[in-house]
Amino acid sequence: MDSPHSSDFSPRSSVSNFADDEHDLASVESVPSTSRPASVYSYHSSVDGQVMLKDVYGRTINNTSDHYGLPGTLESFCSSFAALTDGCPAVPWAADPAEHARLDIQHLMLKTKLNGLFVPPLPVRRALAPRQSSTPAILDLGTGSGSWAIDMAKLFPHVNVVGLDLVPANLNSLPPLNCRFECDDINLGLLHYKSSFDVIHARCIALGIEDYPRFLSEVVEVLRPGGIYLAGAGDMQLYNEDRSPVVLPEDEDDPKYSWMVRYLKAMFEAMENQGSNIKSYPHIGRWIREMGDEWGDTGEKVYWVALGPWEEGANGRDRRASELMRQNFLGLLQSARPLILSHGYFEASVDRWIKKAQEEMNAMRRRLYVKWMFYWAIKPGSSLDQL
């Protein structure tokens, strides 16, 4: 049997161990940065796409970042921001229409599970209430396919929405007039947006942020008084039916063996090897609290989403979210393939894991959960302070 160990690696690879221990805070406070070019870039033509994207193992990937790869729960589910570096290899995470279609599925899954576009609803609506002093504005960091930004622009037609990412969104149609998209690298700083936004949304981008506490200090400056920061992250660890972390047995024939977990383990290794800040997302809530009175009200909430509609007694909305989560993971298998292959695994091994994981999820042989964490923090003051 093809063993998922050293025999799965091609000779060019170097193996790094999967982190089975608790999240190591010392290693996630920051990732060293180098000199960077200018931050904001507005894209206008197909030529820009040729520069920002390249083909790897049959998929179009981001060509601008050495940390891009996430995902969320996997942070890899989502777009991430990182550095536009010269001479530094980009993490080969798909950024093509197929990947953005997967992100659309993930967006729909979260919208279904949350029963809306954001939590908590009342502070967000308060921050975006119409006023005479200024036009309310939203900044969506790591916008990916642009679905969240577009939905917010439709829900709040009186609000200006800006979606930022390292690569252009693959839009199927023109966005609303109150929504625009830009290319930017938040590791270069956000202070050129100082006091410009009432809501800042950052879902699944922690992996690409070099120094999250510094990033938060800039978010406070970019928010207007009374503005709210919304962060979300999917755990890279899958959980059993009793919500305990899945431990991968060594024996592939063990009934508790999960091919999806095996695949995520390889993905974790590849991202860690590329320098992604993969252990930062569980600390977001604590980093927010440590900022003290720079924030007013803060909070966090956990959502558990079944990987497939296996839960007995689940309501219709939860069952739909679970099925969408399964479709999201099926797409993730293909999106992460270039990343894992570039880490040095043989194509035969990776394709075998994909096939086994597909069979496992389609049959729902393992009853697994994905844990999603959402955080929020409100800047003291109110929109009236802007008068």
Protein backbone atom coordinates (compact mmCIF):
# COMPACT_ATOMS: atom_id res chain seq x y z
CA MET A 1 0.00 0.00 0.00
CA ASP A 2 1.21 3.48 -0.82
CA SER A 3 2.30 4.89 2.54
CA PRO A 4 1.67 8.59 3.30
CA HIS A 5 5.18 9.07 4.62
CA SER A 6 8.63 9.51 3.04
CA SER A 7 7.68 7.37 0.04
CA ASP A 8 5.13 10.02 -0.95
CA PHE A 9 7.83 12.63 -1.48
CA SER A 10 9.69 13.30 -4.68
CA PRO A 11 13.50 13.57 -4.31
CA ARG A 12 13.46 17.38 -4.52
CA SER A 13 11.45 17.80 -1.34
CA SER A 14 12.39 18.49 2.24
CA VAL A 15 10.01 17.16 4.90
CA SER A 16 8.77 19.27 7.79
CA ASN A 17 6.87 17.69 10.66
CA PHE A 18 3.16 18.35 11.12
CA ALA A 19 2.47 20.37 14.26
CA ASP A 20 0.43 18.06 16.47
CA ASP A 21 1.03 20.14 19.58
CA GLU A 22 -0.98 23.09 20.84
CA HIS A 23 -0.83 26.35 18.89
CA ASP A 24 2.60 27.84 19.57
CA LEU A 25 2.18 31.52 20.38
CA ALA A 26 5.87 32.32 20.31
CA SER A 27 6.06 31.45 16.64
CA VAL A 28 3.09 33.50 15.49
CA GLU A 29 3.56 37.00 16.88
CA SER A 30 5.11 38.08 13.60
CA VAL A 31 6.74 36.94 10.40
CA PRO A 32 9.81 38.98 9.40
CA SER A 33 9.18 41.36 6.54
CA THR A 34 11.46 42.72 3.88
CA SER A 35 11.29 45.91 1.86
CA ARG A 36 8.05 46.17 -0.09
CA PRO A 37 6.83 48.11 -3.09
CA ALA A 38 3.92 50.52 -2.99
CA SER A 39 0.71 49.19 -1.52
CA VAL A 40 -2.39 50.01 -3.53
CA TYR A 41 -2.72 48.86 -7.12
CA SER A 42 -5.87 49.31 -9.18
CA TYR A 43 -6.16 46.73 -11.94
CA HIS A 44 -7.68 47.62 -15.29
CA SER A 45 -6.77 45.10 -17.97
CA SER A 46 -6.01 41.52 -18.88
CA VAL A 47 -2.32 42.43 -18.89
CA ASP A 48 -2.52 42.89 -15.12
CA GLY A 49 -3.90 39.40 -14.77
CA GLN A 50 -0.97 37.96 -16.72
CA VAL A 51 1.43 39.56 -14.22
CA MET A 52 -0.51 38.62 -11.08
CA LEU A 53 -1.28 35.02 -12.04
CA LYS A 54 0.60 32.02 -13.38
CA ASP A 55 -0.08 28.38 -14.19
CA VAL A 56 1.12 25.61 -11.86
CA TYR A 57 0.10 21.95 -12.21
CA GLY A 58 -2.79 22.93 -14.47
CA ARG A 59 -4.29 25.59 -12.18
CA THR A 60 -4.00 29.37 -12.30
CA ILE A 61 -2.43 30.59 -9.06
CA ASN A 62 -1.55 33.83 -7.34
CA ASN A 63 1.88 35.05 -8.49
CA THR A 64 2.32 37.93 -6.04
CA SER A 65 2.73 36.40 -2.59
CA ASP A 66 5.03 34.03 -0.76
CA HIS A 67 2.47 33.42 1.99
CA TYR A 68 -0.73 33.07 -0.06
CA GLY A 69 -2.20 29.72 0.77
CA LEU A 70 -3.94 30.03 3.47
CA PRO A 71 -7.00 29.29 3.30
CA GLY A 72 -9.39 29.70 6.72
CA THR A 73 -10.67 26.46 8.23
CA LEU A 74 -8.59 26.17 6.91
CA GLU A 75 -7.62 29.39 6.38
CA SER A 76 -6.88 28.09 3.11
CA PHE A 77 -10.52 28.33 2.34
CA CYS A 78 -10.14 31.92 1.82
CA SER A 79 -8.08 34.61 0.20
CA SER A 80 -5.12 35.77 2.21
CA PHE A 81 -2.92 38.82 2.05
CA ALA A 82 0.82 38.79 2.07
CA ALA A 83 3.84 40.50 0.66
CA LEU A 84 4.47 41.47 -2.94
CA THR A 85 8.05 40.28 -2.90
CA ASP A 86 10.75 40.33 -5.53
CA GLY A 87 12.34 36.97 -6.23
CA CYS A 88 10.28 35.13 -3.62
CA PRO A 89 8.27 32.13 -4.86
CA ALA A 90 4.52 32.45 -4.53
CA VAL A 91 2.66 29.81 -2.60
CA PRO A 92 0.85 27.88 -5.35
CA TRP A 93 -2.73 28.27 -4.21
CA ALA A 94 -5.33 28.35 -6.95
CA ALA A 95 -6.72 31.81 -7.79
CA ASP A 96 -8.64 30.95 -10.93
CA PRO A 97 -12.40 30.97 -11.69
CA ALA A 98 -12.77 27.44 -10.29
CA GLU A 99 -11.27 28.53 -6.97
CA HIS A 100 -13.42 31.65 -6.82
CA ALA A 101 -16.46 29.46 -7.53
CA ARG A 102 -15.46 27.39 -4.49
CA LEU A 103 -15.17 30.57 -2.45
CA ASP A 104 -18.69 31.47 -3.58
CA ILE A 105 -19.88 28.13 -2.17
CA GLN A 106 -18.07 28.82 1.08
CA HIS A 107 -19.59 32.29 1.25
CA LEU A 108 -23.07 30.84 0.76
CA MET A 109 -22.34 28.22 3.43
CA LEU A 110 -21.36 30.85 5.98
CA LYS A 111 -24.27 33.11 5.04
CA THR A 112 -26.59 30.14 5.57
CA LYS A 113 -25.03 29.13 8.89
CA LEU A 114 -24.92 32.68 10.26
CA ASN A 115 -28.39 33.39 8.85
CA GLY A 116 -26.94 36.57 7.41
CA LEU A 117 -23.76 38.26 6.28
CA PHE A 118 -22.29 39.21 9.64
CA VAL A 119 -22.32 38.83 13.40
CA PRO A 120 -23.31 40.68 15.51
CA PRO A 121 -26.08 42.30 13.42
CA LEU A 122 -27.12 45.31 15.51
CA PRO A 123 -23.69 47.00 15.92
CA VAL A 124 -23.00 46.60 12.21
CA ARG A 125 -26.32 48.13 11.21
CA ARG A 126 -25.76 50.95 13.70
CA ALA A 127 -22.31 51.69 12.24
CA LEU A 128 -23.75 51.78 8.72
CA ALA A 129 -26.84 53.87 9.48
CA PRO A 130 -27.39 56.76 7.01
CA ARG A 131 -26.10 60.12 8.22
CA GLN A 132 -25.49 63.59 6.85
CA SER A 133 -21.88 63.95 7.98
CA SER A 134 -20.39 61.33 5.64
CA THR A 135 -21.22 58.32 3.49
CA PRO A 136 -20.84 55.07 5.46
CA ALA A 137 -18.13 52.82 4.06
CA ILE A 138 -17.06 49.16 4.27
CA LEU A 139 -13.60 47.68 3.66
CA ASP A 140 -13.50 43.95 2.84
CA LEU A 141 -9.96 42.60 3.29
CA GLY A 142 -9.15 39.43 1.38
CA THR A 143 -12.28 39.79 -0.70
CA GLY A 144 -11.56 36.68 -2.80
CA SER A 145 -14.44 36.15 -5.20
CA GLY A 146 -16.01 39.41 -4.02
CA SER A 147 -19.28 37.75 -2.96
CA TRP A 148 -19.40 39.24 0.55
CA ALA A 149 -18.57 42.75 -0.68
CA ILE A 150 -21.20 42.57 -3.43
CA ASP A 151 -23.86 41.23 -1.07
CA MET A 152 -23.12 44.02 1.42
CA ALA A 153 -23.34 46.63 -1.35
CA LYS A 154 -26.76 45.28 -2.31
CA LEU A 155 -27.96 45.09 1.30
CA PHE A 156 -26.78 48.65 2.06
CA PRO A 157 -27.17 50.63 -1.20
CA HIS A 158 -26.36 53.90 0.61
CA VAL A 159 -22.91 52.56 1.64
CA ASN A 160 -19.64 52.56 -0.32
CA VAL A 161 -17.93 49.14 -0.35
CA VAL A 162 -14.28 48.48 -1.22
CA GLY A 163 -12.99 44.93 -1.70
CA LEU A 164 -9.23 44.35 -1.50
CA ASP A 165 -7.14 41.33 -2.43
CA LEU A 166 -3.80 40.49 -3.97
CA VAL A 167 -5.38 39.34 -7.23
CA PRO A 168 -8.47 40.49 -9.14
CA ALA A 169 -11.84 38.97 -8.33
CA ASN A 170 -13.32 36.84 -11.13
CA LEU A 171 -16.64 38.66 -11.40
CA ASN A 172 -19.39 37.17 -13.56
CA SER A 173 -21.11 40.53 -13.89
CA LEU A 174 -20.59 44.17 -13.07
CA PRO A 175 -20.72 44.89 -9.32
CA PRO A 176 -23.21 47.42 -7.91
CA LEU A 177 -22.30 51.05 -8.47
CA ASN A 178 -21.48 51.44 -4.77
CA CYS A 179 -18.92 48.60 -4.85
CA ARG A 180 -15.40 48.61 -6.27
CA PHE A 181 -12.37 46.31 -6.09
CA GLU A 182 -8.68 47.06 -5.72
CA CYS A 183 -5.44 45.12 -5.39
CA ASP A 184 -3.55 45.87 -2.21
CA ASP A 185 -1.14 44.28 0.25
CA ILE A 186 -2.13 45.01 3.82
CA ASN A 187 1.31 44.05 5.14
CA LEU A 188 2.51 47.31 3.61
CA GLY A 189 0.18 49.20 5.91
CA LEU A 190 -3.38 50.50 5.98
CA LEU A 191 -2.88 54.00 7.33
CA HIS A 192 -3.46 55.58 3.92
CA TYR A 193 -7.11 54.70 4.68
CA LYS A 194 -7.08 56.42 8.09
CA SER A 195 -10.57 57.25 9.42
CA SER A 196 -12.17 56.10 6.17
CA PHE A 197 -14.37 53.11 7.06
CA ASP A 198 -17.20 52.20 9.41
CA VAL A 199 -16.91 48.42 8.99
CA ILE A 200 -13.74 46.44 8.28
CA HIS A 201 -14.28 42.79 7.41
CA ALA A 202 -11.37 40.32 7.48
CA ARG A 203 -12.36 36.68 7.03
CA CYS A 204 -9.70 34.01 6.68
CA ILE A 205 -6.72 36.27 6.13
CA ALA A 206 -4.71 35.68 9.33
CA LEU A 207 -2.34 33.26 7.62
CA GLY A 208 -1.04 35.98 5.35
CA ILE A 209 -0.65 38.74 7.92
CA GLU A 210 2.95 39.09 9.04
CA ASP A 211 2.22 40.85 12.36
CA TYR A 212 -1.40 40.57 13.44
CA PRO A 213 -1.16 42.80 16.56
CA ARG A 214 0.36 45.58 14.44
CA PHE A 215 -2.35 45.01 11.85
CA LEU A 216 -5.01 45.45 14.56
CA SER A 217 -3.41 48.72 15.70
CA GLU A 218 -3.81 50.03 12.15
CA VAL A 219 -7.38 48.75 11.86
CA VAL A 220 -8.31 50.97 14.82
CA GLU A 221 -6.88 53.98 12.99
CA VAL A 222 -8.67 53.16 9.75
CA LEU A 223 -12.06 52.80 11.47
CA ARG A 224 -14.18 55.85 12.13
CA PRO A 225 -15.53 56.41 15.67
CA GLY A 226 -18.18 53.80 16.41
CA GLY A 227 -16.89 51.58 13.61
CA ILE A 228 -16.64 47.81 13.97
CA TYR A 229 -13.99 45.27 13.05
CA LEU A 230 -15.25 41.83 11.98
CA ALA A 231 -12.85 38.88 11.81
CA GLY A 232 -13.57 35.25 10.97
CA ALA A 233 -11.49 32.11 10.71
CA GLY A 234 -12.05 28.43 10.11
CA ASP A 235 -10.03 26.08 12.26
CA MET A 236 -7.40 24.05 10.44
CA GLN A 237 -8.15 21.18 12.82
CA LEU A 238 -11.12 18.91 12.08
CA TYR A 239 -13.23 17.61 14.97
CA ASN A 240 -14.98 14.34 15.80
CA GLU A 241 -18.71 13.97 16.39
CA ASP A 242 -18.13 14.70 20.10
CA ARG A 243 -16.22 17.86 19.04
CA SER A 244 -12.87 16.53 20.18
CA PRO A 245 -9.89 17.10 17.84
CA VAL A 246 -9.31 14.34 15.30
CA VAL A 247 -6.07 12.43 15.89
CA LEU A 248 -4.85 10.70 12.75
CA PRO A 249 -3.95 7.01 13.32
CA GLU A 250 -0.72 5.73 11.78
CA ASP A 251 -2.48 2.75 10.21
CA GLU A 252 -4.48 3.65 7.09
CA ASP A 253 -6.70 0.60 7.70
CA ASP A 254 -7.76 1.89 11.12
CA PRO A 255 -11.55 2.61 11.08
CA LYS A 256 -10.80 6.03 12.58
CA TYR A 257 -8.40 6.97 9.78
CA SER A 258 -9.54 10.01 7.80
CA TRP A 259 -8.18 10.74 4.34
CA MET A 260 -9.49 14.28 4.54
CA VAL A 261 -7.45 14.83 7.69
CA ARG A 262 -4.42 13.29 5.97
CA TYR A 263 -4.81 15.73 3.10
CA LEU A 264 -5.15 18.69 5.43
CA LYS A 265 -2.03 17.54 7.26
CA ALA A 266 -0.06 17.68 4.00
CA MET A 267 -1.55 21.09 3.25
CA PHE A 268 -0.56 22.34 6.71
CA GLU A 269 3.01 21.13 6.17
CA ALA A 270 3.24 22.84 2.80
CA MET A 271 1.94 26.16 4.10
CA GLU A 272 4.25 26.04 7.10
CA ASN A 273 7.19 25.32 4.82
CA GLN A 274 6.29 28.37 2.70
CA GLY A 275 6.26 30.64 5.75
CA SER A 276 2.51 31.20 6.19
CA ASN A 277 1.52 32.41 9.65
CA ILE A 278 -0.55 29.29 10.16
CA LYS A 279 -0.87 29.40 13.95
CA SER A 280 -2.10 32.96 14.39
CA TYR A 281 -5.88 32.71 13.99
CA PRO A 282 -6.73 31.16 17.41
CA HIS A 283 -5.15 34.20 19.11
CA ILE A 284 -7.18 36.93 17.40
CA GLY A 285 -9.62 37.32 20.30
CA ARG A 286 -6.84 37.60 22.87
CA TRP A 287 -4.91 40.11 20.78
CA ILE A 288 -8.04 42.25 20.54
CA ARG A 289 -8.58 42.11 24.31
CA GLU A 290 -4.94 43.00 25.01
CA MET A 291 -5.47 46.33 23.24
CA GLY A 292 -7.53 47.47 26.22
CA ASP A 293 -9.51 50.68 25.92
CA GLU A 294 -8.58 51.15 22.27
CA TRP A 295 -11.72 49.07 21.74
CA GLY A 296 -15.13 49.46 23.33
CA ASP A 297 -17.32 46.38 23.18
CA THR A 298 -15.68 43.17 21.97
CA GLY A 299 -16.96 39.63 21.54
CA GLU A 300 -16.55 36.30 19.84
CA LYS A 301 -18.74 33.38 18.81
CA VAL A 302 -18.08 29.82 17.65
CA TYR A 303 -20.12 28.00 14.99
CA TRP A 304 -19.86 24.26 14.37
CA VAL A 305 -20.61 23.10 10.83
CA ALA A 306 -20.94 19.40 10.04
CA LEU A 307 -18.84 18.20 7.12
CA GLY A 308 -21.79 16.80 5.21
CA PRO A 309 -25.46 16.48 6.26
CA TRP A 310 -24.98 13.63 8.74
CA GLU A 311 -26.39 15.32 11.88
CA GLU A 312 -29.60 13.73 13.14
CA GLY A 313 -32.33 16.22 13.97
CA ALA A 314 -30.60 19.14 12.24
CA ASN A 315 -32.90 21.86 10.92
CA GLY A 316 -33.11 22.67 7.24
CA ARG A 317 -30.72 25.60 7.39
CA ASP A 318 -28.02 23.61 9.20
CA ARG A 319 -28.40 20.70 6.79
CA ARG A 320 -27.99 23.03 3.84
CA ALA A 321 -24.90 24.61 5.42
CA SER A 322 -23.45 21.14 6.04
CA GLU A 323 -23.95 20.09 2.42
CA LEU A 324 -22.38 23.33 1.21
CA MET A 325 -19.45 22.69 3.55
CA ARG A 326 -18.97 19.27 1.97
CA GLN A 327 -19.02 20.81 -1.52
CA ASN A 328 -16.53 23.41 -0.30
CA PHE A 329 -14.14 20.71 0.92
CA LEU A 330 -14.48 18.75 -2.31
CA GLY A 331 -13.37 21.87 -4.15
CA LEU A 332 -10.61 22.45 -1.63
CA LEU A 333 -9.05 19.11 -2.55
CA GLN A 334 -8.36 20.38 -6.06
CA SER A 335 -7.47 23.95 -5.05
CA ALA A 336 -4.74 22.80 -2.67
CA ARG A 337 -3.27 20.27 -5.09
CA PRO A 338 -0.67 22.65 -6.63
CA LEU A 339 0.42 23.72 -3.13
CA ILE A 340 0.92 20.14 -1.92
CA LEU A 341 2.67 19.03 -5.12
CA SER A 342 5.03 21.99 -4.89
CA HIS A 343 5.93 20.84 -1.38
CA GLY A 344 7.44 17.74 -2.98
CA TYR A 345 4.82 14.99 -2.82
CA PHE A 346 4.47 12.62 -5.77
CA GLU A 347 1.44 13.25 -7.97
CA ALA A 348 0.36 9.62 -7.59
CA SER A 349 0.25 9.98 -3.80
CA VAL A 350 -1.62 13.28 -3.84
CA ASP A 351 -4.16 12.07 -6.39
CA ARG A 352 -4.71 8.92 -4.33
CA TRP A 353 -5.40 11.00 -1.21
CA ILE A 354 -7.83 13.15 -3.19
CA LYS A 355 -9.71 10.09 -4.47
CA LYS A 356 -9.87 8.54 -0.99
CA ALA A 357 -11.00 11.81 0.62
CA GLN A 358 -13.69 12.28 -2.04
CA GLU A 359 -15.01 8.77 -1.36
CA GLU A 360 -14.90 9.38 2.39
CA MET A 361 -16.87 12.62 2.21
CA ASN A 362 -19.40 11.40 -0.35
CA ALA A 363 -20.17 8.37 1.81
CA MET A 364 -19.94 10.44 5.02
CA ARG A 365 -17.91 7.57 6.49
CA ARG A 366 -16.43 9.90 9.11
CA ARG A 367 -18.72 12.21 11.07
CA LEU A 368 -16.64 15.36 11.28
CA TYR A 369 -17.13 18.98 12.25
CA VAL A 370 -15.47 22.18 11.09
CA LYS A 371 -15.12 24.90 13.71
CA TRP A 372 -15.58 28.52 12.67
CA MET A 373 -14.59 31.39 14.95
CA PHE A 374 -15.88 34.94 14.60
CA TYR A 375 -14.60 38.00 16.47
CA TRP A 376 -15.70 41.60 16.64
CA ALA A 377 -14.47 44.82 18.21
CA ILE A 378 -16.10 48.25 18.23
CA LYS A 379 -14.11 51.48 18.23
CA PRO A 380 -15.24 53.91 20.96
CA GLY A 381 -17.35 56.87 19.91
CA SER A 382 -20.10 57.24 17.34
CA SER A 383 -20.58 58.51 13.83
CA LEU A 384 -21.75 61.81 15.35
CA ASP A 385 -18.14 62.39 16.44
CA GLN A 386 -17.31 63.03 12.78
CA LEU A 387 -19.39 66.21 12.62
